[in-house]
PDB file of N, CA and C in Angstrom:
ATOM      1  N   MET A   1      57.651 -21.313  21.717  1.00  0.00           N
ATOM      2  CA  MET A   1      56.682 -21.695  22.703  1.00  0.00           C
ATOM      3  C   MET A   1      55.814 -20.498  23.084  1.00  0.00           C
ATOM      4  N   ASP A   2      56.438 -19.333  23.145  1.00  0.00           N
ATOM      5  CA  ASP A   2      55.664 -18.129  23.477  1.00  0.00           C
ATOM      6  C   ASP A   2      54.597 -17.853  22.421  1.00  0.00           C
ATOM      7  N   ALA A   3      54.957 -18.041  21.138  1.00  0.00           N
ATOM      8  CA  ALA A   3      53.990 -17.815  20.054  1.00  0.00           C
ATOM      9  C   ALA A   3      52.830 -18.797  20.157  1.00  0.00           C
ATOM     10  N   PHE A   4      53.125 -20.047  20.514  1.00  0.00           N
ATOM     11  CA  PHE A   4      52.071 -21.052  20.670  1.00  0.00           C
ATOM     12  C   PHE A   4      51.132 -20.668  21.817  1.00  0.00           C
ATOM     13  N   ASN A   5      51.698 -20.295  22.947  1.00  0.00           N
ATOM     14  CA  ASN A   5      50.882 -19.882  24.093  1.00  0.00           C
ATOM     15  C   ASN A   5      50.067 -18.631  23.776  1.00  0.00           C
ATOM     16  N   GLU A   6      50.661 -17.709  23.025  1.00  0.00           N
ATOM     17  CA  GLU A   6      49.935 -16.498  22.629  1.00  0.00           C
ATOM     18  C   GLU A   6      48.756 -16.836  21.721  1.00  0.00           C
ATOM     19  N   MET A   7      48.961 -17.797  20.791  1.00  0.00           N
ATOM     20  CA  MET A   7      47.872 -18.228  19.913  1.00  0.00           C
ATOM     21  C   MET A   7      46.743 -18.851  20.724  1.00  0.00           C
ATOM     22  N   ILE A   8      47.067 -19.668  21.703  1.00  0.00           N
ATOM     23  CA  ILE A   8      46.043 -20.292  22.551  1.00  0.00           C
ATOM     24  C   ILE A   8      45.253 -19.213  23.294  1.00  0.00           C
ATOM     25  N   ASN A   9      45.953 -18.227  23.832  1.00  0.00           N
ATOM     26  CA  ASN A   9      45.277 -17.148  24.560  1.00  0.00           C
ATOM     27  C   ASN A   9      44.442 -16.269  23.640  1.00  0.00           C
ATOM     28  N   SER A  10      44.970 -15.930  22.473  1.00  0.00           N
ATOM     29  CA  SER A  10      44.245 -15.018  21.577  1.00  0.00           C
ATOM     30  C   SER A  10      43.016 -15.684  20.953  1.00  0.00           C
ATOM     31  N   THR A  11      43.038 -16.995  20.790  1.00  0.00           N
ATOM     32  CA  THR A  11      41.885 -17.698  20.222  1.00  0.00           C
ATOM     33  C   THR A  11      40.947 -18.231  21.301  1.00  0.00           C
ATOM     34  N   ALA A  12      41.291 -17.988  22.553  1.00  0.00           N
ATOM     35  CA  ALA A  12      40.474 -18.387  23.703  1.00  0.00           C
ATOM     36  C   ALA A  12      40.221 -19.896  23.746  1.00  0.00           C
ATOM     37  N   LEU A  13      41.247 -20.668  23.399  1.00  0.00           N
ATOM     38  CA  LEU A  13      41.119 -22.121  23.507  1.00  0.00           C
ATOM     39  C   LEU A  13      41.259 -22.520  24.967  1.00  0.00           C
ATOM     40  N   ARG A  14      40.581 -23.603  25.316  1.00  0.00           N
ATOM     41  CA  ARG A  14      40.720 -24.116  26.673  1.00  0.00           C
ATOM     42  C   ARG A  14      40.834 -25.635  26.620  1.00  0.00           C
ATOM     43  N   GLU A  15      41.465 -26.179  27.615  1.00  0.00           N
ATOM     44  CA  GLU A  15      41.684 -27.624  27.668  1.00  0.00           C
ATOM     45  C   GLU A  15      40.444 -28.325  28.211  1.00  0.00           C
ATOM     46  N   VAL A  16      40.090 -29.438  27.574  1.00  0.00           N
ATOM     47  CA  VAL A  16      39.002 -30.286  28.069  1.00  0.00           C
ATOM     48  C   VAL A  16      39.624 -31.278  29.049  1.00  0.00           C
ATOM     49  N   GLN A  17      39.041 -31.398  30.216  1.00  0.00           N
ATOM     50  CA  GLN A  17      39.577 -32.304  31.226  1.00  0.00           C
ATOM     51  C   GLN A  17      39.402 -33.757  30.802  1.00  0.00           C
ATOM     52  N   ARG A  18      40.402 -34.561  31.112  1.00  0.00           N
ATOM     53  CA  ARG A  18      40.379 -35.985  30.779  1.00  0.00           C
ATOM     54  C   ARG A  18      39.807 -36.780  31.948  1.00  0.00           C
ATOM     55  N   SER A  19      39.289 -37.964  31.626  1.00  0.00           N
ATOM     56  CA  SER A  19      38.882 -38.892  32.677  1.00  0.00           C
ATOM     57  C   SER A  19      39.573 -40.228  32.446  1.00  0.00           C
ATOM     58  N   ARG A  20      39.602 -41.037  33.472  1.00  0.00           N
ATOM     59  CA  ARG A  20      40.164 -42.390  33.492  1.00  0.00           C
ATOM     60  C   ARG A  20      41.657 -42.449  33.793  1.00  0.00           C
ATOM     61  N   SER A  21      42.418 -41.418  33.545  1.00  0.00           N
ATOM     62  CA  SER A  21      43.848 -41.478  33.838  1.00  0.00           C
ATOM     63  C   SER A  21      44.377 -40.080  34.117  1.00  0.00           C
ATOM     64  N   ARG A  22      45.228 -39.984  35.075  1.00  0.00           N
ATOM     65  CA  ARG A  22      45.784 -38.680  35.431  1.00  0.00           C
ATOM     66  C   ARG A  22      46.881 -38.253  34.466  1.00  0.00           C
ATOM     67  N   TYR A  23      47.620 -39.225  33.921  1.00  0.00           N
ATOM     68  CA  TYR A  23      48.755 -38.940  33.034  1.00  0.00           C
ATOM     69  C   TYR A  23      48.510 -39.507  31.643  1.00  0.00           C
ATOM     70  N   THR A  24      49.218 -38.975  30.644  1.00  0.00           N
ATOM     71  CA  THR A  24      49.050 -39.460  29.275  1.00  0.00           C
ATOM     72  C   THR A  24      50.314 -40.093  28.711  1.00  0.00           C
ATOM     73  N   ARG A  25      51.426 -40.030  29.434  1.00  0.00           N
ATOM     74  CA  ARG A  25      52.665 -40.620  28.947  1.00  0.00           C
ATOM     75  C   ARG A  25      53.483 -41.124  30.121  1.00  0.00           C
ATOM     76  N   THR A  26      54.208 -42.216  29.864  1.00  0.00           N
ATOM     77  CA  THR A  26      55.156 -42.744  30.838  1.00  0.00           C
ATOM     78  C   THR A  26      56.414 -43.166  30.095  1.00  0.00           C
ATOM     79  N   ASN A  27      57.539 -43.153  30.770  1.00  0.00           N
ATOM     80  CA  ASN A  27      58.787 -43.564  30.118  1.00  0.00           C
ATOM     81  C   ASN A  27      59.058 -45.059  30.268  1.00  0.00           C
ATOM     82  N   LYS A  28      58.149 -45.787  30.900  1.00  0.00           N
ATOM     83  CA  LYS A  28      58.247 -47.244  31.077  1.00  0.00           C
ATOM     84  C   LYS A  28      59.519 -47.663  31.817  1.00  0.00           C
ATOM     85  N   GLN A  29      59.992 -46.839  32.710  1.00  0.00           N
ATOM     86  CA  GLN A  29      61.157 -47.143  33.523  1.00  0.00           C
ATOM     87  C   GLN A  29      60.692 -47.436  34.951  1.00  0.00           C
ATOM     88  N   ILE A  30      61.623 -47.931  35.755  1.00  0.00           N
ATOM     89  CA  ILE A  30      61.321 -48.154  37.165  1.00  0.00           C
ATOM     90  C   ILE A  30      62.269 -47.277  37.962  1.00  0.00           C
ATOM     91  N   PRO A  31      61.823 -46.329  38.726  1.00  0.00           N
ATOM     92  CA  PRO A  31      60.453 -45.856  38.862  1.00  0.00           C
ATOM     93  C   PRO A  31      60.045 -45.052  37.620  1.00  0.00           C
ATOM     94  N   PRO A  32      58.774 -45.110  37.248  1.00  0.00           N
ATOM     95  CA  PRO A  32      58.344 -44.428  36.024  1.00  0.00           C
ATOM     96  C   PRO A  32      58.251 -42.913  36.196  1.00  0.00           C
ATOM     97  N   ILE A  33      58.559 -42.218  35.130  1.00  0.00           N
ATOM     98  CA  ILE A  33      58.285 -40.785  35.065  1.00  0.00           C
ATOM     99  C   ILE A  33      56.993 -40.662  34.283  1.00  0.00           C
ATOM    100  N   MET A  34      55.983 -40.085  34.891  1.00  0.00           N
ATOM    101  CA  MET A  34      54.674 -39.962  34.251  1.00  0.00           C
ATOM    102  C   MET A  34      54.355 -38.479  34.121  1.00  0.00           C
ATOM    103  N   CYS A  35      53.786 -38.105  32.978  1.00  0.00           N
ATOM    104  CA  CYS A  35      53.477 -36.699  32.742  1.00  0.00           C
ATOM    105  C   CYS A  35      52.295 -36.570  31.786  1.00  0.00           C
ATOM    106  N   VAL A  36      51.839 -35.346  31.632  1.00  0.00           N
ATOM    107  CA  VAL A  36      50.754 -35.045  30.700  1.00  0.00           C
ATOM    108  C   VAL A  36      51.372 -34.328  29.501  1.00  0.00           C
ATOM    109  N   LEU A  37      51.449 -35.015  28.363  1.00  0.00           N
ATOM    110  CA  LEU A  37      51.943 -34.401  27.133  1.00  0.00           C
ATOM    111  C   LEU A  37      50.823 -34.167  26.140  1.00  0.00           C
ATOM    112  N   ASP A  38      49.802 -34.985  26.195  1.00  0.00           N
ATOM    113  CA  ASP A  38      48.726 -34.940  25.209  1.00  0.00           C
ATOM    114  C   ASP A  38      47.521 -34.216  25.808  1.00  0.00           C
ATOM    115  N   ARG A  39      47.023 -33.248  25.065  1.00  0.00           N
ATOM    116  CA  ARG A  39      45.896 -32.450  25.543  1.00  0.00           C
ATOM    117  C   ARG A  39      44.940 -32.192  24.385  1.00  0.00           C
ATOM    118  N   VAL A  40      43.702 -31.901  24.716  1.00  0.00           N
ATOM    119  CA  VAL A  40      42.698 -31.531  23.715  1.00  0.00           C
ATOM    120  C   VAL A  40      42.221 -30.135  24.059  1.00  0.00           C
ATOM    121  N   LEU A  41      42.370 -29.216  23.099  1.00  0.00           N
ATOM    122  CA  LEU A  41      41.940 -27.838  23.274  1.00  0.00           C
ATOM    123  C   LEU A  41      40.728 -27.579  22.393  1.00  0.00           C
ATOM    124  N   ILE A  42      39.754 -26.841  22.923  1.00  0.00           N
ATOM    125  CA  ILE A  42      38.560 -26.527  22.141  1.00  0.00           C
ATOM    126  C   ILE A  42      38.257 -25.035  22.236  1.00  0.00           C
ATOM    127  N   SER A  43      37.514 -24.571  21.262  1.00  0.00           N
ATOM    128  CA  SER A  43      37.064 -23.172  21.249  1.00  0.00           C
ATOM    129  C   SER A  43      35.678 -23.093  21.881  1.00  0.00           C
ATOM    130  N   ASN A  44      35.256 -21.873  22.159  1.00  0.00           N
ATOM    131  CA  ASN A  44      33.908 -21.673  22.700  1.00  0.00           C
ATOM    132  C   ASN A  44      32.849 -22.126  21.705  1.00  0.00           C
ATOM    133  N   ALA A  45      33.098 -21.874  20.400  1.00  0.00           N
ATOM    134  CA  ALA A  45      32.134 -22.270  19.370  1.00  0.00           C
ATOM    135  C   ALA A  45      31.958 -23.789  19.342  1.00  0.00           C
ATOM    136  N   LEU A  46      33.057 -24.518  19.482  1.00  0.00           N
ATOM    137  CA  LEU A  46      32.957 -25.985  19.489  1.00  0.00           C
ATOM    138  C   LEU A  46      32.239 -26.462  20.742  1.00  0.00           C
ATOM    139  N   GLU A  47      32.526 -25.831  21.849  1.00  0.00           N
ATOM    140  CA  GLU A  47      31.853 -26.223  23.090  1.00  0.00           C
ATOM    141  C   GLU A  47      30.359 -25.911  23.028  1.00  0.00           C
ATOM    142  N   ASP A  48      29.989 -24.813  22.348  1.00  0.00           N
ATOM    143  CA  ASP A  48      28.567 -24.504  22.178  1.00  0.00           C
ATOM    144  C   ASP A  48      27.869 -25.570  21.345  1.00  0.00           C
ATOM    145  N   LYS A  49      28.581 -26.084  20.344  1.00  0.00           N
ATOM    146  CA  LYS A  49      28.001 -27.110  19.475  1.00  0.00           C
ATOM    147  C   LYS A  49      27.952 -28.473  20.169  1.00  0.00           C
ATOM    148  N   PHE A  50      28.980 -28.799  20.930  1.00  0.00           N
ATOM    149  CA  PHE A  50      29.068 -30.084  21.625  1.00  0.00           C
ATOM    150  C   PHE A  50      29.249 -29.799  23.125  1.00  0.00           C
ATOM    151  N   ASP A  51      28.180 -29.429  23.789  1.00  0.00           N
ATOM    152  CA  ASP A  51      28.286 -29.030  25.184  1.00  0.00           C
ATOM    153  C   ASP A  51      28.544 -30.186  26.143  1.00  0.00           C
ATOM    154  N   LEU A  52      28.397 -31.409  25.680  1.00  0.00           N
ATOM    155  CA  LEU A  52      28.674 -32.580  26.525  1.00  0.00           C
ATOM    156  C   LEU A  52      30.010 -33.230  26.190  1.00  0.00           C
ATOM    157  N   ILE A  53      30.888 -32.509  25.520  1.00  0.00           N
ATOM    158  CA  ILE A  53      32.164 -33.085  25.075  1.00  0.00           C
ATOM    159  C   ILE A  53      33.000 -33.525  26.277  1.00  0.00           C
ATOM    160  N   SER A  54      33.643 -34.673  26.129  1.00  0.00           N
ATOM    161  CA  SER A  54      34.542 -35.162  27.173  1.00  0.00           C
ATOM    162  C   SER A  54      35.686 -35.930  26.518  1.00  0.00           C
ATOM    163  N   ILE A  55      36.761 -36.077  27.256  1.00  0.00           N
ATOM    164  CA  ILE A  55      37.943 -36.779  26.768  1.00  0.00           C
ATOM    165  C   ILE A  55      38.161 -37.992  27.655  1.00  0.00           C
ATOM    166  N   LEU A  56      38.227 -39.149  27.020  1.00  0.00           N
ATOM    167  CA  LEU A  56      38.470 -40.402  27.741  1.00  0.00           C
ATOM    168  C   LEU A  56      39.902 -40.845  27.454  1.00  0.00           C
ATOM    169  N   THR A  57      40.624 -41.225  28.473  1.00  0.00           N
ATOM    170  CA  THR A  57      41.983 -41.722  28.308  1.00  0.00           C
ATOM    171  C   THR A  57      41.921 -43.240  28.210  1.00  0.00           C
ATOM    172  N   ALA A  58      42.292 -43.763  27.050  1.00  0.00           N
ATOM    173  CA  ALA A  58      42.257 -45.216  26.832  1.00  0.00           C
ATOM    174  C   ALA A  58      43.545 -45.846  27.369  1.00  0.00           C
ATOM    175  N   PRO A  59      43.533 -47.159  27.622  1.00  0.00           N
ATOM    176  CA  PRO A  59      44.739 -47.831  28.120  1.00  0.00           C
ATOM    177  C   PRO A  59      45.865 -47.812  27.090  1.00  0.00           C
ATOM    178  N   ARG A  60      47.082 -47.760  27.598  1.00  0.00           N
ATOM    179  CA  ARG A  60      48.282 -47.845  26.761  1.00  0.00           C
ATOM    180  C   ARG A  60      48.441 -49.282  26.287  1.00  0.00           C
ATOM    181  N   VAL A  61      48.640 -49.467  24.999  1.00  0.00           N
ATOM    182  CA  VAL A  61      48.908 -50.801  24.461  1.00  0.00           C
ATOM    183  C   VAL A  61      50.099 -50.687  23.525  1.00  0.00           C
ATOM    184  N   GLY A  62      51.264 -51.138  23.967  1.00  0.00           N
ATOM    185  CA  GLY A  62      52.445 -51.136  23.124  1.00  0.00           C
ATOM    186  C   GLY A  62      53.014 -49.762  22.848  1.00  0.00           C
ATOM    187  N   SER A  63      52.658 -48.776  23.599  1.00  0.00           N
ATOM    188  CA  SER A  63      53.126 -47.417  23.386  1.00  0.00           C
ATOM    189  C   SER A  63      53.421 -46.791  24.727  1.00  0.00           C
ATOM    190  N   ASP A  64      54.098 -45.655  24.705  1.00  0.00           N
ATOM    191  CA  ASP A  64      54.316 -44.930  25.958  1.00  0.00           C
ATOM    192  C   ASP A  64      53.277 -43.838  26.156  1.00  0.00           C
ATOM    193  N   HIS A  65      52.337 -43.707  25.220  1.00  0.00           N
ATOM    194  CA  HIS A  65      51.263 -42.713  25.317  1.00  0.00           C
ATOM    195  C   HIS A  65      49.905 -43.402  25.463  1.00  0.00           C
ATOM    196  N   ASN A  66      49.033 -42.789  26.247  1.00  0.00           N
ATOM    197  CA  ASN A  66      47.647 -43.241  26.306  1.00  0.00           C
ATOM    198  C   ASN A  66      46.886 -42.555  25.176  1.00  0.00           C
ATOM    199  N   PRO A  67      46.134 -43.296  24.367  1.00  0.00           N
ATOM    200  CA  PRO A  67      45.303 -42.636  23.362  1.00  0.00           C
ATOM    201  C   PRO A  67      44.194 -41.828  24.036  1.00  0.00           C
ATOM    202  N   LEU A  68      43.858 -40.709  23.432  1.00  0.00           N
ATOM    203  CA  LEU A  68      42.757 -39.887  23.931  1.00  0.00           C
ATOM    204  C   LEU A  68      41.578 -40.044  22.989  1.00  0.00           C
ATOM    205  N   ILE A  69      40.423 -40.317  23.544  1.00  0.00           N
ATOM    206  CA  ILE A  69      39.201 -40.488  22.755  1.00  0.00           C
ATOM    207  C   ILE A  69      38.296 -39.298  23.037  1.00  0.00           C
ATOM    208  N   VAL A  70      37.926 -38.594  21.975  1.00  0.00           N
ATOM    209  CA  VAL A  70      37.037 -37.446  22.116  1.00  0.00           C
ATOM    210  C   VAL A  70      35.601 -37.937  22.001  1.00  0.00           C
ATOM    211  N   ASP A  71      34.831 -37.741  23.055  1.00  0.00           N
ATOM    212  CA  ASP A  71      33.418 -38.105  23.070  1.00  0.00           C
ATOM    213  C   ASP A  71      32.619 -36.810  22.996  1.00  0.00           C
ATOM    214  N   THR A  72      31.900 -36.627  21.900  1.00  0.00           N
ATOM    215  CA  THR A  72      31.146 -35.387  21.703  1.00  0.00           C
ATOM    216  C   THR A  72      29.826 -35.368  22.462  1.00  0.00           C
ATOM    217  N   GLY A  73      29.493 -36.467  23.126  1.00  0.00           N
ATOM    218  CA  GLY A  73      28.248 -36.526  23.870  1.00  0.00           C
ATOM    219  C   GLY A  73      27.100 -37.104  23.067  1.00  0.00           C
ATOM    220  N   ASP A  74      27.377 -37.461  21.792  1.00  0.00           N
ATOM    221  CA  ASP A  74      26.355 -38.126  20.998  1.00  0.00           C
ATOM    222  C   ASP A  74      26.129 -39.521  21.564  1.00  0.00           C
ATOM    223  N   ASP A  75      25.095 -40.174  21.099  1.00  0.00           N
ATOM    224  CA  ASP A  75      24.765 -41.500  21.613  1.00  0.00           C
ATOM    225  C   ASP A  75      25.544 -42.617  20.927  1.00  0.00           C
ATOM    226  N   LEU A  76      26.814 -42.379  20.648  1.00  0.00           N
ATOM    227  CA  LEU A  76      27.638 -43.420  20.043  1.00  0.00           C
ATOM    228  C   LEU A  76      28.187 -44.321  21.142  1.00  0.00           C
ATOM    229  N   VAL A  77      28.189 -45.606  20.880  1.00  0.00           N
ATOM    230  CA  VAL A  77      28.773 -46.552  21.814  1.00  0.00           C
ATOM    231  C   VAL A  77      30.160 -46.899  21.292  1.00  0.00           C
ATOM    232  N   LEU A  78      31.185 -46.519  22.052  1.00  0.00           N
ATOM    233  CA  LEU A  78      32.555 -46.779  21.636  1.00  0.00           C
ATOM    234  C   LEU A  78      33.040 -48.082  22.256  1.00  0.00           C
ATOM    235  N   LYS A  79      33.501 -48.964  21.428  1.00  0.00           N
ATOM    236  CA  LYS A  79      34.092 -50.209  21.902  1.00  0.00           C
ATOM    237  C   LYS A  79      35.540 -50.224  21.474  1.00  0.00           C
ATOM    238  N   GLN A  80      36.396 -50.707  22.340  1.00  0.00           N
ATOM    239  CA  GLN A  80      37.796 -50.806  21.986  1.00  0.00           C
ATOM    240  C   GLN A  80      38.025 -52.102  21.230  1.00  0.00           C
ATOM    241  N   HIS A  81      38.643 -51.968  20.069  1.00  0.00           N
ATOM    242  CA  HIS A  81      39.022 -53.133  19.283  1.00  0.00           C
ATOM    243  C   HIS A  81      40.505 -53.011  18.993  1.00  0.00           C
ATOM    244  N   TYR A  82      41.241 -54.007  19.359  1.00  0.00           N
ATOM    245  CA  TYR A  82      42.671 -54.009  19.109  1.00  0.00           C
ATOM    246  C   TYR A  82      42.977 -54.974  17.983  1.00  0.00           C
ATOM    247  N   PHE A  83      43.846 -54.548  17.073  1.00  0.00           N
ATOM    248  CA  PHE A  83      44.291 -55.428  16.004  1.00  0.00           C
ATOM    249  C   PHE A  83      45.337 -56.373  16.576  1.00  0.00           C
ATOM    250  N   ARG A  84      45.166 -57.640  16.302  1.00  0.00           N
ATOM    251  CA  ARG A  84      46.148 -58.634  16.721  1.00  0.00           C
ATOM    252  C   ARG A  84      46.565 -59.438  15.501  1.00  0.00           C
ATOM    253  N   PHE A  85      47.850 -59.403  15.216  1.00  0.00           N
ATOM    254  CA  PHE A  85      48.370 -60.146  14.078  1.00  0.00           C
ATOM    255  C   PHE A  85      48.474 -61.618  14.453  1.00  0.00           C
ATOM    256  N   ASN A  86      47.961 -62.465  13.579  1.00  0.00           N
ATOM    257  CA  ASN A  86      48.043 -63.906  13.785  1.00  0.00           C
ATOM    258  C   ASN A  86      49.193 -64.426  12.933  1.00  0.00           C
ATOM    259  N   VAL A  87      50.210 -64.962  13.580  1.00  0.00           N
ATOM    260  CA  VAL A  87      51.416 -65.407  12.866  1.00  0.00           C
ATOM    261  C   VAL A  87      51.106 -66.499  11.836  1.00  0.00           C
ATOM    262  N   HIS A  88      50.015 -67.200  11.990  1.00  0.00           N
ATOM    263  CA  HIS A  88      49.639 -68.263  11.054  1.00  0.00           C
ATOM    264  C   HIS A  88      49.223 -67.708   9.692  1.00  0.00           C
ATOM    265  N   TRP A  89      48.884 -66.407   9.634  1.00  0.00           N
ATOM    266  CA  TRP A  89      48.491 -65.798   8.366  1.00  0.00           C
ATOM    267  C   TRP A  89      49.604 -65.871   7.331  1.00  0.00           C
ATOM    268  N   ILE A  90      50.869 -65.754   7.780  1.00  0.00           N
ATOM    269  CA  ILE A  90      51.967 -65.761   6.805  1.00  0.00           C
ATOM    270  C   ILE A  90      52.140 -67.121   6.137  1.00  0.00           C
ATOM    271  N   HIS A  91      51.545 -68.165   6.702  1.00  0.00           N
ATOM    272  CA  HIS A  91      51.621 -69.500   6.108  1.00  0.00           C
ATOM    273  C   HIS A  91      50.460 -69.784   5.166  1.00  0.00           C
ATOM    274  N   GLN A  92      49.484 -68.876   5.100  1.00  0.00           N
ATOM    275  CA  GLN A  92      48.343 -69.045   4.202  1.00  0.00           C
ATOM    276  C   GLN A  92      48.785 -68.744   2.775  1.00  0.00           C
ATOM    277  N   LYS A  93      48.356 -69.567   1.859  1.00  0.00           N
ATOM    278  CA  LYS A  93      48.720 -69.399   0.460  1.00  0.00           C
ATOM    279  C   LYS A  93      48.239 -68.039  -0.054  1.00  0.00           C
ATOM    280  N   GLY A  94      49.144 -67.258  -0.631  1.00  0.00           N
ATOM    281  CA  GLY A  94      48.819 -65.982  -1.231  1.00  0.00           C
ATOM    282  C   GLY A  94      48.820 -64.802  -0.272  1.00  0.00           C
ATOM    283  N   PHE A  95      48.969 -65.048   1.019  1.00  0.00           N
ATOM    284  CA  PHE A  95      48.915 -63.945   1.980  1.00  0.00           C
ATOM    285  C   PHE A  95      50.053 -62.948   1.777  1.00  0.00           C
ATOM    286  N   CYS A  96      51.286 -63.445   1.622  1.00  0.00           N
ATOM    287  CA  CYS A  96      52.437 -62.544   1.468  1.00  0.00           C
ATOM    288  C   CYS A  96      52.314 -61.707   0.194  1.00  0.00           C
ATOM    289  N   ASP A  97      51.839 -62.327  -0.896  1.00  0.00           N
ATOM    290  CA  ASP A  97      51.646 -61.572  -2.143  1.00  0.00           C
ATOM    291  C   ASP A  97      50.567 -60.513  -1.972  1.00  0.00           C
ATOM    292  N   TRP A  98      49.478 -60.875  -1.311  1.00  0.00           N
ATOM    293  CA  TRP A  98      48.404 -59.923  -1.064  1.00  0.00           C
ATOM    294  C   TRP A  98      48.904 -58.758  -0.210  1.00  0.00           C
ATOM    295  N   LEU A  99      49.683 -59.058   0.819  1.00  0.00           N
ATOM    296  CA  LEU A  99      50.211 -58.031   1.705  1.00  0.00           C
ATOM    297  C   LEU A  99      51.136 -57.072   0.947  1.00  0.00           C
ATOM    298  N   LYS A 100      51.950 -57.615   0.053  1.00  0.00           N
ATOM    299  CA  LYS A 100      52.838 -56.758  -0.751  1.00  0.00           C
ATOM    300  C   LYS A 100      52.030 -55.828  -1.646  1.00  0.00           C
ATOM    301  N   LYS A 101      50.942 -56.354  -2.252  1.00  0.00           N
ATOM    302  CA  LYS A 101      50.093 -55.516  -3.104  1.00  0.00           C
ATOM    303  C   LYS A 101      49.454 -54.392  -2.302  1.00  0.00           C
ATOM    304  N   VAL A 102      48.947 -54.717  -1.139  1.00  0.00           N
ATOM    305  CA  VAL A 102      48.315 -53.705  -0.300  1.00  0.00           C
ATOM    306  C   VAL A 102      49.336 -52.668   0.142  1.00  0.00           C
ATOM    307  N   ALA A 103      50.546 -53.107   0.521  1.00  0.00           N
ATOM    308  CA  ALA A 103      51.589 -52.188   0.948  1.00  0.00           C
ATOM    309  C   ALA A 103      52.008 -51.268  -0.189  1.00  0.00           C
ATOM    310  N   ASP A 104      52.059 -51.779  -1.410  1.00  0.00           N
ATOM    311  CA  ASP A 104      52.415 -50.945  -2.560  1.00  0.00           C
ATOM    312  C   ASP A 104      51.343 -49.888  -2.827  1.00  0.00           C
ATOM    313  N   LYS A 105      50.071 -50.255  -2.631  1.00  0.00           N
ATOM    314  CA  LYS A 105      48.968 -49.309  -2.852  1.00  0.00           C
ATOM    315  C   LYS A 105      49.013 -48.141  -1.878  1.00  0.00           C
ATOM    316  N   ILE A 106      49.343 -48.440  -0.618  1.00  0.00           N
ATOM    317  CA  ILE A 106      49.365 -47.367   0.379  1.00  0.00           C
ATOM    318  C   ILE A 106      50.784 -46.842   0.594  1.00  0.00           C
ATOM    319  N   GLN A 107      51.701 -47.306  -0.168  1.00  0.00           N
ATOM    320  CA  GLN A 107      53.101 -46.842  -0.194  1.00  0.00           C
ATOM    321  C   GLN A 107      53.753 -46.890   1.172  1.00  0.00           C
ATOM    322  N   ILE A 108      53.823 -48.093   1.728  1.00  0.00           N
ATOM    323  CA  ILE A 108      54.519 -48.274   3.005  1.00  0.00           C
ATOM    324  C   ILE A 108      55.995 -48.444   2.717  1.00  0.00           C
TER     325      ILE A 108
END
């Protein structure tokens, strides 16, 4: 841990502040333990290139971590799209065979 902290100090990295959520992880217990585990560090050179950089904390979906979205300040419009599996797909002719082929290609 000391070596990691020394690297951060020697390279002059700094944390970009997040918006939308104070914490990035919860243990999903009652009462919850909430903490900041996920951070984004940038160099001065990166900040010079993207001076409007910001970090947005997206909602947790099925995980104990909030995803962090890096916004460089460009005019991109970010929309959240969540994948939702439709159970009816497995009843479609050829779907299971197609899924096996795709899984073999990406070696799942």
